[in-house]
Protein backbone atom coordinates (compact mmCIF):
# COMPACT_ATOMS: atom_id res chain seq x y z
CA MET A 1 -13.87 90.60 -45.79
CA THR A 2 -10.40 92.05 -46.40
CA PHE A 3 -7.24 90.15 -45.29
CA LEU A 4 -6.72 92.80 -42.66
CA ALA A 5 -10.12 92.20 -41.27
CA LYS A 6 -9.46 88.46 -41.31
CA VAL A 7 -6.19 88.89 -39.43
CA ARG A 8 -7.99 90.89 -36.71
CA ALA A 9 -10.79 88.37 -36.48
CA GLN A 10 -8.65 85.25 -36.48
CA HIS A 11 -5.49 86.34 -34.61
CA PRO A 12 -3.19 83.89 -36.44
CA LEU A 13 -0.25 82.45 -34.65
CA ILE A 14 3.01 83.50 -36.33
CA HIS A 15 6.15 81.69 -35.50
CA ASN A 16 9.19 83.84 -35.95
CA ILE A 17 12.75 82.83 -36.06
CA THR A 18 14.04 86.39 -36.50
CA ASN A 19 17.20 88.31 -35.39
CA MET A 20 18.11 89.59 -32.03
CA VAL A 21 17.99 93.27 -33.16
CA VAL A 22 14.26 93.21 -34.09
CA THR A 23 12.63 90.65 -31.82
CA ASN A 24 10.75 93.06 -29.53
CA PHE A 25 9.79 95.33 -32.41
CA THR A 26 8.43 92.37 -34.46
CA ALA A 27 6.50 91.02 -31.49
CA ASN A 28 4.93 94.39 -30.72
CA GLY A 29 4.16 95.08 -34.40
CA LEU A 30 2.32 91.75 -34.76
CA LEU A 31 0.38 92.34 -31.60
CA ALA A 32 -0.58 95.80 -32.76
CA LEU A 33 -1.81 94.32 -36.07
CA GLY A 34 -3.92 91.74 -34.29
CA ALA A 35 -1.74 88.62 -34.82
CA SER A 36 -0.22 86.46 -32.15
CA PRO A 37 3.58 86.29 -32.15
CA PHE A 38 5.57 83.27 -31.10
CA MET A 39 9.38 83.50 -30.86
CA ALA A 40 10.90 80.03 -30.72
CA TYR A 41 14.46 79.17 -31.63
CA ALA A 42 15.53 76.08 -29.72
CA HIS A 43 16.23 72.93 -31.76
CA GLU A 44 14.03 70.96 -29.32
CA GLU A 45 10.83 72.78 -30.07
CA VAL A 46 11.00 74.77 -33.33
CA ALA A 47 9.55 71.88 -35.38
CA ASP A 48 6.60 71.54 -32.88
CA VAL A 49 5.88 75.29 -32.87
CA ALA A 50 6.10 75.43 -36.61
CA ALA A 51 3.60 72.58 -36.99
CA ILE A 52 0.90 74.37 -34.93
CA ALA A 53 1.51 77.87 -36.26
CA ASN A 54 -0.58 79.53 -38.95
CA ALA A 55 2.51 80.90 -40.64
CA VAL A 56 6.33 80.61 -40.11
CA VAL A 57 8.61 83.63 -40.67
CA LEU A 58 12.27 82.87 -41.13
CA ASN A 59 14.80 85.63 -40.96
CA ILE A 60 18.64 85.52 -41.14
CA GLY A 61 19.47 88.95 -39.81
CA THR A 62 21.81 87.76 -37.04
CA LEU A 63 23.31 84.58 -38.42
CA ASP A 64 25.08 81.64 -36.94
CA PRO A 65 25.06 77.90 -37.58
CA TYR A 66 22.61 77.19 -34.69
CA THR A 67 20.04 79.56 -36.18
CA VAL A 68 20.47 78.10 -39.77
CA GLU A 69 19.69 74.72 -38.38
CA SER A 70 16.74 76.11 -36.34
CA ILE A 71 15.35 77.75 -39.51
CA GLN A 72 15.68 74.55 -41.54
CA ARG A 73 13.99 72.45 -38.88
CA ALA A 74 11.14 74.93 -38.57
CA GLY A 75 10.80 75.32 -42.30
CA ARG A 76 10.69 71.61 -43.00
CA ALA A 77 8.16 71.08 -40.23
CA ALA A 78 6.03 73.82 -41.67
CA ASN A 79 6.20 72.28 -45.10
CA GLU A 80 5.14 68.91 -43.84
CA SER A 81 2.17 70.44 -42.01
CA GLY A 82 1.03 72.70 -44.86
CA VAL A 83 1.98 75.92 -42.98
CA PRO A 84 3.01 78.86 -45.26
CA VAL A 85 6.67 80.02 -44.95
CA VAL A 86 7.96 83.54 -45.41
CA PHE A 87 11.66 83.81 -45.82
CA ASP A 88 13.63 87.11 -45.30
CA PRO A 89 17.18 86.63 -46.69
CA VAL A 90 18.64 89.63 -44.76
CA GLY A 91 21.91 90.77 -46.21
CA ALA A 92 22.22 88.03 -48.73
CA GLY A 93 25.12 89.03 -50.99
CA ALA A 94 26.87 90.91 -48.24
CA THR A 95 29.10 87.96 -47.26
CA PRO A 96 29.80 84.58 -48.78
CA TYR A 97 28.53 82.93 -45.58
CA ARG A 98 25.24 84.80 -45.53
CA THR A 99 24.66 84.18 -49.24
CA GLN A 100 25.45 80.46 -48.83
CA SER A 101 23.16 80.23 -45.80
CA ALA A 102 20.29 81.75 -47.65
CA LEU A 103 20.79 79.33 -50.64
CA GLN A 104 21.02 76.36 -48.25
CA ILE A 105 17.77 77.32 -46.60
CA ILE A 106 16.03 77.69 -49.98
CA GLU A 107 17.39 74.24 -51.01
CA HIS A 108 15.95 72.50 -47.95
CA VAL A 109 12.79 74.53 -47.39
CA GLN A 110 9.91 75.26 -49.76
CA VAL A 111 9.45 78.97 -49.34
CA ASP A 112 5.94 80.39 -50.09
CA VAL A 113 6.98 84.05 -49.93
CA LEU A 114 10.52 85.46 -50.44
CA ARG A 115 10.51 89.07 -48.96
CA GLY A 116 13.55 91.25 -49.23
CA ASN A 117 15.08 94.25 -50.93
CA VAL A 118 16.19 93.97 -54.60
CA ALA A 119 19.85 93.25 -53.80
CA GLU A 120 18.96 90.37 -51.43
CA VAL A 121 16.48 88.86 -53.93
CA ALA A 122 18.90 89.20 -56.82
CA ASN A 123 21.86 87.56 -54.91
CA VAL A 124 19.59 84.67 -53.88
CA ILE A 125 19.00 83.78 -57.48
CA GLY A 126 22.50 84.43 -58.53
CA GLU A 127 22.07 87.87 -60.17
CA SER A 128 24.61 90.58 -59.39
CA TRP A 129 23.35 93.54 -57.34
CA GLN A 130 25.48 95.55 -54.92
CA ILE A 131 24.56 95.43 -51.21
CA LYS A 132 25.87 97.61 -48.42
CA GLY A 133 25.40 95.73 -45.16
CA VAL A 134 21.66 94.90 -45.29
CA ASP A 135 20.73 97.83 -47.57
CA ALA A 136 20.44 97.55 -51.27
CA GLY A 137 23.08 99.55 -53.30
CA ALA A 138 23.46 100.22 -56.98
CA GLY A 139 22.69 97.49 -59.38
CA GLU A 140 22.04 96.83 -63.05
CA GLY A 141 18.63 95.51 -63.90
CA ASN A 142 14.99 96.07 -63.46
CA MET A 143 13.44 95.41 -60.00
CA ILE A 144 10.37 93.98 -61.57
CA GLN A 145 12.29 91.69 -63.83
CA ILE A 146 14.36 90.48 -60.84
CA ALA A 147 11.06 89.75 -58.82
CA GLU A 148 9.50 87.93 -61.67
CA GLN A 149 12.62 85.93 -62.42
CA ALA A 150 12.96 84.97 -58.74
CA ALA A 151 9.32 83.98 -58.49
CA GLN A 152 9.69 81.74 -61.58
CA LYS A 153 12.87 80.19 -60.42
CA LEU A 154 11.87 79.51 -56.85
CA LYS A 155 8.19 78.79 -57.58
CA CYS A 156 6.94 81.14 -54.92
CA ILE A 157 5.59 84.68 -54.36
CA VAL A 158 8.32 87.30 -54.25
CA ALA A 159 7.97 90.59 -52.55
CA ILE A 160 10.67 93.20 -53.20
CA THR A 161 10.48 96.49 -51.20
CA GLY A 162 12.04 99.72 -52.16
CA GLU A 163 10.92 103.23 -53.33
CA LYS A 164 8.01 101.26 -54.74
CA ASP A 165 7.15 97.65 -53.76
CA VAL A 166 6.71 94.76 -56.13
CA VAL A 167 4.74 91.57 -55.45
CA THR A 168 4.63 88.83 -58.07
CA ASP A 169 4.10 85.14 -58.55
CA GLY A 170 6.07 85.18 -61.83
CA GLN A 171 2.99 85.67 -63.93
CA ASN A 172 0.85 88.32 -62.22
CA THR A 173 2.66 91.31 -60.80
CA TYR A 174 1.47 94.20 -58.51
CA THR A 175 3.33 97.42 -57.84
CA ILE A 176 2.55 99.24 -54.55
CA ALA A 177 3.38 102.98 -54.25
CA ASN A 178 2.58 103.37 -50.49
CA SER A 179 5.22 104.03 -47.88
CA HIS A 180 7.52 106.65 -46.60
CA GLN A 181 11.34 106.94 -46.73
CA ILE A 182 11.60 107.53 -42.93
CA LEU A 183 10.71 103.96 -42.48
CA THR A 184 14.20 102.95 -43.69
CA GLN A 185 15.62 104.80 -40.67
CA VAL A 186 13.90 102.53 -38.25
CA THR A 187 15.73 99.26 -37.44
CA GLY A 188 13.67 96.22 -38.23
CA GLY A 189 11.25 97.88 -40.70
CA GLY A 190 11.76 95.30 -43.23
CA CYS A 191 11.89 92.47 -40.79
CA LEU A 192 8.53 93.40 -39.30
CA LEU A 193 7.10 93.65 -42.72
CA SER A 194 8.00 90.09 -43.37
CA ALA A 195 6.17 89.03 -40.22
CA VAL A 196 3.18 91.12 -41.24
CA VAL A 197 3.25 89.29 -44.64
CA GLY A 198 3.14 86.08 -42.65
CA ALA A 199 0.05 87.21 -40.84
CA PHE A 200 -1.82 88.14 -43.99
CA ILE A 201 -0.89 84.98 -45.81
CA ALA A 202 -1.83 82.99 -42.80
CA VAL A 203 -5.45 84.00 -43.34
CA ALA A 204 -5.56 83.35 -47.06
CA ASP A 205 -6.85 80.16 -48.65
CA ALA A 206 -3.86 77.94 -49.19
CA THR A 207 -5.46 76.31 -52.21
CA GLN A 208 -6.01 79.62 -54.00
CA ALA A 209 -2.75 80.96 -55.47
CA GLN A 210 -4.31 84.29 -56.63
CA GLU A 211 -5.71 84.84 -53.15
CA ARG A 212 -2.29 84.34 -51.57
CA LEU A 213 -0.84 86.78 -54.04
CA GLU A 214 -3.52 89.35 -53.13
CA ALA A 215 -2.97 88.82 -49.40
CA VAL A 216 0.74 89.64 -49.76
CA THR A 217 -0.04 92.62 -51.93
CA GLU A 218 -2.54 94.06 -49.35
CA ALA A 219 0.05 93.42 -46.57
CA LEU A 220 2.47 95.69 -48.33
CA ALA A 221 -0.10 98.37 -49.01
CA PHE A 222 -1.34 98.29 -45.43
CA TYR A 223 2.12 98.58 -44.06
CA GLY A 224 3.05 101.33 -46.41
CA ILE A 225 -0.12 103.25 -45.52
CA ALA A 226 0.56 102.86 -41.80
CA ALA A 227 3.98 104.46 -42.39
CA GLU A 228 2.46 107.31 -44.39
CA ILE A 229 0.01 108.15 -41.67
CA ALA A 230 2.54 107.87 -38.97
CA TYR A 231 4.78 110.33 -40.76
CA GLU A 232 1.91 112.73 -41.33
CA GLN A 233 1.24 112.76 -37.58
CA THR A 234 4.80 113.13 -36.43
CA ALA A 235 6.53 115.18 -39.11
CA GLY A 236 9.45 117.12 -37.72
CA GLN A 237 9.57 115.07 -34.48
CA GLY A 238 12.24 112.63 -35.49
CA THR A 239 12.41 108.81 -35.94
CA GLY A 240 11.60 107.94 -32.33
CA SER A 241 8.20 109.58 -32.48
CA PHE A 242 7.64 108.06 -35.87
CA GLN A 243 8.37 104.64 -34.71
CA MET A 244 5.91 104.82 -31.81
CA GLN A 245 3.23 106.22 -33.96
CA PHE A 246 3.89 103.58 -36.65
CA ILE A 247 3.19 100.87 -34.13
CA ASN A 248 0.02 102.79 -33.22
CA GLN A 249 -1.08 102.87 -36.85
CA LEU A 250 -0.60 99.17 -37.27
CA SER A 251 -3.48 98.88 -34.80
CA LEU A 252 -5.48 101.86 -36.03
CA VAL A 253 -5.49 101.56 -39.87
CA THR A 254 -8.72 100.10 -40.92
CA PRO A 255 -9.71 98.16 -44.05
CA GLU A 256 -11.60 101.13 -45.26
CA ILE A 257 -8.49 103.34 -44.92
CA VAL A 258 -6.49 100.70 -46.98
CA THR A 259 -9.06 100.73 -49.69
CA ALA A 260 -9.14 104.55 -49.81
CA ARG A 261 -5.42 105.04 -49.83
CA ALA A 262 -3.96 101.96 -51.55
CA GLN A 263 -1.95 102.73 -54.67
CA ILE A 264 -1.69 99.39 -56.43
CA THR A 265 -1.23 98.74 -60.15
CA SER A 266 -1.08 95.31 -61.83
CA SER A 267 0.52 93.78 -64.90
CA LYS A 268 1.24 90.48 -66.36
CA ALA A 269 4.78 89.05 -67.06
């Protein structure tokens, strides 16, 4: 059974502390996929929710001290309960506060998956890479090398998304060539992807490192394929039509379609 099939069979509960711009899109995307979203932010309950979730997704898109504290409480509770944590360091490197907050979270929470663009991941590990708002700009270096370096330093799976996506645990690396550029014109495309990664790793065996790596890889391939098909069906209609069809495809893409269309290559560090 593929991880996609497991998500649809098990309906994992995904606790999201995400940003106000993308909350609705994230919840609808997870529901379309077959997962069960839970959005909880209050200090009084985040630890309780994290402890009963199947995965916790932490996102610093709209940042303030209250949210940082919520994220840390949820992250620590997830760690204590053996619940996998996905961290999306949105805009790390754009401002000192944002970068420092990302570093603070990583210091206090053991992250299982770090998911971001190359600039965000580079800045989290102290490497220089230009960022414009929340989008990666020009930088010197190799995306695969940055991903592998981050995975080795943080002892977690790293997923960097871009023209091609990279997933690595620092030793084994996968490159995924599925997606479409139009997805970058939809607010929350990356944030929803982090939540989808949470759903996929939630159904992987926590004791099998390779299985968790493959779950994250399949999540990115699935997501990219959904974007490809959505664009094929709405070409020329604009981003609004694409966004609606993309949500549709999150519920319609089958494991068989993923197997047929996935463009995944592997290598070792």
